[in-house]
Amino acid sequence: MSLDTERVRHLARLARLALPEDHIAPLLLELGRVIHLVDELSQANVDGIEPMAHPLDLGVALRDDRVADTDHHAALAALAPAESGGFYLVPKVIE
């Protein structure tokens, strides 16, 4: 893929970036380096290499799944002005 100033302007417009003219030339060089790097990486031989989610084989520390909190419904229902069937009753606010 070759880059020129028109393509950089087009990419900036697609990205909704206001790109001043004096920024186009440096950006053109930087984008060219990135594209060159991607081209080099795409040519690397990766046959037989398993995909990795992370370069280090980290395990997930899991804790026991147990209840750590008690049911506070009765105490909270006592604070409510009205309660019925385990639900808090509130006044109608929308007609």
N, C-alpha and C. Protein backbone atom coordinates (compact mmCIF):
# COMPACT_ATOMS: atom_id res chain seq x y z
N MET A 1 0.85 -1.17 0.00
CA MET A 1 0.00 0.00 0.00
C MET A 1 0.89 1.23 0.00
N SER A 2 0.67 2.09 -0.93
CA SER A 2 1.46 3.31 -0.99
C SER A 2 0.64 4.47 -0.43
N LEU A 3 1.34 5.35 0.22
CA LEU A 3 0.70 6.52 0.81
C LEU A 3 1.15 7.77 0.09
N ASP A 4 0.23 8.68 -0.08
CA ASP A 4 0.57 10.00 -0.57
C ASP A 4 -0.24 11.02 0.24
N THR A 5 -0.01 12.28 -0.02
CA THR A 5 -0.66 13.32 0.79
C THR A 5 -2.18 13.29 0.62
N GLU A 6 -2.66 12.95 -0.55
CA GLU A 6 -4.11 12.88 -0.76
C GLU A 6 -4.74 11.78 0.08
N ARG A 7 -4.05 10.64 0.16
CA ARG A 7 -4.58 9.54 0.95
C ARG A 7 -4.56 9.90 2.43
N VAL A 8 -3.53 10.60 2.91
CA VAL A 8 -3.48 11.02 4.31
C VAL A 8 -4.62 12.00 4.59
N ARG A 9 -4.86 12.93 3.67
CA ARG A 9 -5.99 13.85 3.84
C ARG A 9 -7.32 13.09 3.89
N HIS A 10 -7.45 12.09 3.02
CA HIS A 10 -8.66 11.28 2.98
C HIS A 10 -8.84 10.52 4.30
N LEU A 11 -7.78 9.91 4.80
CA LEU A 11 -7.85 9.19 6.08
C LEU A 11 -8.21 10.13 7.22
N ALA A 12 -7.63 11.34 7.21
CA ALA A 12 -7.95 12.31 8.24
C ALA A 12 -9.42 12.70 8.17
N ARG A 13 -9.94 12.86 6.97
CA ARG A 13 -11.35 13.21 6.82
C ARG A 13 -12.24 12.08 7.32
N LEU A 14 -11.89 10.83 7.00
CA LEU A 14 -12.67 9.69 7.48
C LEU A 14 -12.65 9.58 9.00
N ALA A 15 -11.51 9.95 9.58
CA ALA A 15 -11.37 9.90 11.04
C ALA A 15 -11.90 11.16 11.71
N ARG A 16 -12.43 12.08 10.91
CA ARG A 16 -12.96 13.34 11.41
C ARG A 16 -11.91 14.14 12.17
N LEU A 17 -10.71 14.18 11.59
CA LEU A 17 -9.60 14.92 12.18
C LEU A 17 -9.33 16.17 11.36
N ALA A 18 -9.16 17.28 12.05
CA ALA A 18 -8.74 18.52 11.38
C ALA A 18 -7.22 18.48 11.33
N LEU A 19 -6.68 18.22 10.18
CA LEU A 19 -5.24 18.03 10.03
C LEU A 19 -4.63 19.23 9.32
N PRO A 20 -3.85 20.04 10.05
CA PRO A 20 -3.19 21.17 9.40
C PRO A 20 -2.20 20.70 8.33
N GLU A 21 -1.97 21.53 7.35
CA GLU A 21 -1.08 21.17 6.23
C GLU A 21 0.34 20.85 6.70
N ASP A 22 0.81 21.54 7.73
CA ASP A 22 2.19 21.29 8.17
C ASP A 22 2.32 19.97 8.94
N HIS A 23 1.21 19.30 9.24
CA HIS A 23 1.27 18.00 9.92
C HIS A 23 1.20 16.83 8.95
N ILE A 24 0.87 17.10 7.70
CA ILE A 24 0.66 16.02 6.74
C ILE A 24 1.97 15.30 6.40
N ALA A 25 3.03 16.04 6.14
CA ALA A 25 4.31 15.40 5.76
C ALA A 25 4.87 14.52 6.88
N PRO A 26 4.94 15.01 8.15
CA PRO A 26 5.43 14.11 9.21
C PRO A 26 4.53 12.90 9.43
N LEU A 27 3.22 13.11 9.30
CA LEU A 27 2.30 11.99 9.47
C LEU A 27 2.45 10.98 8.35
N LEU A 28 2.71 11.46 7.16
CA LEU A 28 2.94 10.58 6.02
C LEU A 28 4.14 9.67 6.28
N LEU A 29 5.22 10.23 6.83
CA LEU A 29 6.40 9.41 7.16
C LEU A 29 6.09 8.40 8.25
N GLU A 30 5.38 8.81 9.30
CA GLU A 30 5.06 7.90 10.40
C GLU A 30 4.15 6.78 9.94
N LEU A 31 3.13 7.11 9.18
CA LEU A 31 2.23 6.07 8.67
C LEU A 31 2.96 5.12 7.72
N GLY A 32 3.88 5.64 6.95
CA GLY A 32 4.69 4.79 6.07
C GLY A 32 5.51 3.79 6.87
N ARG A 33 6.08 4.24 7.99
CA ARG A 33 6.86 3.32 8.85
C ARG A 33 5.97 2.24 9.45
N VAL A 34 4.77 2.63 9.87
CA VAL A 34 3.84 1.66 10.46
C VAL A 34 3.44 0.62 9.41
N ILE A 35 3.12 1.06 8.20
CA ILE A 35 2.74 0.13 7.14
C ILE A 35 3.90 -0.79 6.79
N HIS A 36 5.11 -0.26 6.78
CA HIS A 36 6.29 -1.08 6.51
C HIS A 36 6.47 -2.13 7.60
N LEU A 37 6.28 -1.76 8.85
CA LEU A 37 6.39 -2.71 9.95
C LEU A 37 5.33 -3.80 9.83
N VAL A 38 4.11 -3.43 9.51
CA VAL A 38 3.05 -4.43 9.35
C VAL A 38 3.38 -5.37 8.19
N ASP A 39 3.92 -4.83 7.11
CA ASP A 39 4.33 -5.69 5.99
C ASP A 39 5.40 -6.68 6.42
N GLU A 40 6.37 -6.22 7.20
CA GLU A 40 7.42 -7.13 7.68
C GLU A 40 6.84 -8.19 8.60
N LEU A 41 5.93 -7.81 9.48
CA LEU A 41 5.34 -8.78 10.39
C LEU A 41 4.48 -9.80 9.65
N SER A 42 3.81 -9.37 8.59
CA SER A 42 2.96 -10.31 7.85
C SER A 42 3.79 -11.34 7.09
N GLN A 43 5.06 -11.08 6.87
CA GLN A 43 5.93 -12.02 6.17
C GLN A 43 6.62 -13.01 7.12
N ALA A 44 6.42 -12.84 8.41
CA ALA A 44 7.06 -13.73 9.39
C ALA A 44 6.45 -15.13 9.28
N ASN A 45 7.30 -16.14 9.42
CA ASN A 45 6.85 -17.53 9.38
C ASN A 45 6.30 -17.91 10.75
N VAL A 46 5.00 -18.15 10.82
CA VAL A 46 4.36 -18.50 12.09
C VAL A 46 3.75 -19.90 12.04
N ASP A 47 4.23 -20.73 11.11
CA ASP A 47 3.71 -22.10 11.02
C ASP A 47 4.05 -22.86 12.29
N GLY A 48 3.05 -23.53 12.84
CA GLY A 48 3.25 -24.35 14.03
C GLY A 48 3.27 -23.57 15.33
N ILE A 49 3.05 -22.29 15.31
CA ILE A 49 3.04 -21.49 16.54
C ILE A 49 1.59 -21.33 16.97
N GLU A 50 1.32 -21.71 18.21
CA GLU A 50 -0.03 -21.61 18.75
C GLU A 50 -0.35 -20.16 19.11
N PRO A 51 -1.56 -19.71 18.83
CA PRO A 51 -1.95 -18.35 19.22
C PRO A 51 -1.97 -18.21 20.74
N MET A 52 -1.63 -17.05 21.21
CA MET A 52 -1.60 -16.79 22.65
C MET A 52 -2.52 -15.62 22.97
N ALA A 53 -3.14 -15.69 24.15
CA ALA A 53 -3.91 -14.55 24.63
C ALA A 53 -2.99 -13.59 25.38
N HIS A 54 -1.91 -14.14 25.93
CA HIS A 54 -0.97 -13.34 26.70
C HIS A 54 0.39 -14.01 26.60
N PRO A 55 1.48 -13.24 26.54
CA PRO A 55 2.79 -13.87 26.40
C PRO A 55 3.23 -14.67 27.63
N LEU A 56 2.66 -14.37 28.78
CA LEU A 56 2.98 -15.12 30.00
C LEU A 56 1.84 -16.06 30.32
N ASP A 57 2.16 -17.26 30.78
CA ASP A 57 1.15 -18.24 31.14
C ASP A 57 0.67 -17.95 32.55
N LEU A 58 -0.25 -16.99 32.66
CA LEU A 58 -0.76 -16.61 33.96
C LEU A 58 -2.05 -17.35 34.25
N GLY A 59 -2.16 -17.87 35.45
CA GLY A 59 -3.39 -18.51 35.87
C GLY A 59 -4.28 -17.51 36.58
N VAL A 60 -5.56 -17.78 36.58
CA VAL A 60 -6.50 -16.91 37.26
C VAL A 60 -6.67 -17.41 38.68
N ALA A 61 -6.46 -16.53 39.63
CA ALA A 61 -6.63 -16.90 41.04
C ALA A 61 -8.12 -16.88 41.36
N LEU A 62 -8.70 -18.04 41.59
CA LEU A 62 -10.12 -18.14 41.90
C LEU A 62 -10.31 -18.34 43.39
N ARG A 63 -11.36 -17.75 43.92
CA ARG A 63 -11.67 -17.94 45.33
C ARG A 63 -12.89 -18.84 45.43
N ASP A 64 -13.13 -19.38 46.61
CA ASP A 64 -14.29 -20.22 46.83
C ASP A 64 -15.56 -19.41 46.64
N ASP A 65 -16.54 -20.02 45.99
CA ASP A 65 -17.82 -19.37 45.78
C ASP A 65 -18.70 -19.66 46.99
N ARG A 66 -18.76 -18.70 47.89
CA ARG A 66 -19.56 -18.88 49.10
C ARG A 66 -20.27 -17.58 49.44
N VAL A 67 -21.36 -17.71 50.16
CA VAL A 67 -22.14 -16.54 50.57
C VAL A 67 -21.39 -15.83 51.69
N ALA A 68 -21.15 -14.55 51.50
CA ALA A 68 -20.41 -13.78 52.51
C ALA A 68 -21.30 -12.74 53.18
N ASP A 69 -22.52 -12.56 52.65
CA ASP A 69 -23.41 -11.55 53.19
C ASP A 69 -24.73 -12.22 53.56
N THR A 70 -25.38 -11.73 54.57
CA THR A 70 -26.64 -12.31 55.00
C THR A 70 -27.80 -11.52 54.41
N ASP A 71 -29.01 -12.08 54.53
CA ASP A 71 -30.21 -11.45 54.00
C ASP A 71 -30.66 -10.34 54.94
N HIS A 72 -30.72 -9.11 54.46
CA HIS A 72 -31.11 -7.96 55.27
C HIS A 72 -32.51 -7.47 54.92
N HIS A 73 -33.30 -8.30 54.21
CA HIS A 73 -34.60 -7.85 53.73
C HIS A 73 -35.53 -7.45 54.87
N ALA A 74 -35.60 -8.24 55.90
CA ALA A 74 -36.52 -7.93 57.01
C ALA A 74 -36.17 -6.60 57.66
N ALA A 75 -34.90 -6.35 57.88
CA ALA A 75 -34.48 -5.09 58.51
C ALA A 75 -34.76 -3.91 57.59
N LEU A 76 -34.53 -4.08 56.29
CA LEU A 76 -34.77 -2.99 55.35
C LEU A 76 -36.26 -2.79 55.12
N ALA A 77 -37.05 -3.86 55.12
CA ALA A 77 -38.49 -3.74 54.94
C ALA A 77 -39.12 -3.01 56.12
N ALA A 78 -38.53 -3.14 57.31
CA ALA A 78 -39.05 -2.42 58.49
C ALA A 78 -38.87 -0.92 58.33
N LEU A 79 -37.90 -0.48 57.54
CA LEU A 79 -37.67 0.94 57.33
C LEU A 79 -38.60 1.53 56.27
N ALA A 80 -39.17 0.68 55.41
CA ALA A 80 -40.02 1.14 54.32
C ALA A 80 -41.39 1.53 54.85
N PRO A 81 -42.03 2.53 54.23
CA PRO A 81 -43.37 2.92 54.69
C PRO A 81 -44.41 1.82 54.44
N ALA A 82 -44.25 1.04 53.36
CA ALA A 82 -45.19 -0.05 53.08
C ALA A 82 -44.46 -1.14 52.31
N GLU A 83 -44.88 -2.40 52.61
CA GLU A 83 -44.23 -3.55 51.96
C GLU A 83 -45.27 -4.63 51.81
N SER A 84 -45.21 -5.35 50.67
CA SER A 84 -46.17 -6.42 50.44
C SER A 84 -45.51 -7.47 49.56
N GLY A 85 -45.52 -8.71 50.01
CA GLY A 85 -45.01 -9.82 49.22
C GLY A 85 -43.53 -9.72 48.91
N GLY A 86 -42.76 -9.08 49.75
CA GLY A 86 -41.34 -8.95 49.53
C GLY A 86 -40.96 -7.75 48.67
N PHE A 87 -41.96 -6.93 48.31
CA PHE A 87 -41.71 -5.73 47.49
C PHE A 87 -42.03 -4.48 48.29
N TYR A 88 -41.32 -3.42 48.04
CA TYR A 88 -41.58 -2.14 48.66
C TYR A 88 -42.68 -1.44 47.87
N LEU A 89 -43.68 -0.92 48.56
CA LEU A 89 -44.76 -0.21 47.91
C LEU A 89 -44.46 1.28 47.94
N VAL A 90 -44.58 1.90 46.78
CA VAL A 90 -44.30 3.33 46.67
C VAL A 90 -45.53 4.01 46.07
N PRO A 91 -45.69 5.31 46.32
CA PRO A 91 -46.84 5.99 45.73
C PRO A 91 -46.70 6.12 44.21
N LYS A 92 -47.84 6.14 43.53
CA LYS A 92 -47.85 6.28 42.08
C LYS A 92 -47.42 7.69 41.74
N VAL A 93 -46.45 7.82 40.83
CA VAL A 93 -45.93 9.14 40.47
C VAL A 93 -46.23 9.53 39.03
N ILE A 94 -46.67 8.59 38.21
CA ILE A 94 -47.01 8.87 36.82
C ILE A 94 -48.46 8.47 36.61
N GLU A 95 -49.25 9.37 36.09
CA GLU A 95 -50.67 9.08 35.82
C GLU A 95 -50.80 8.33 34.52
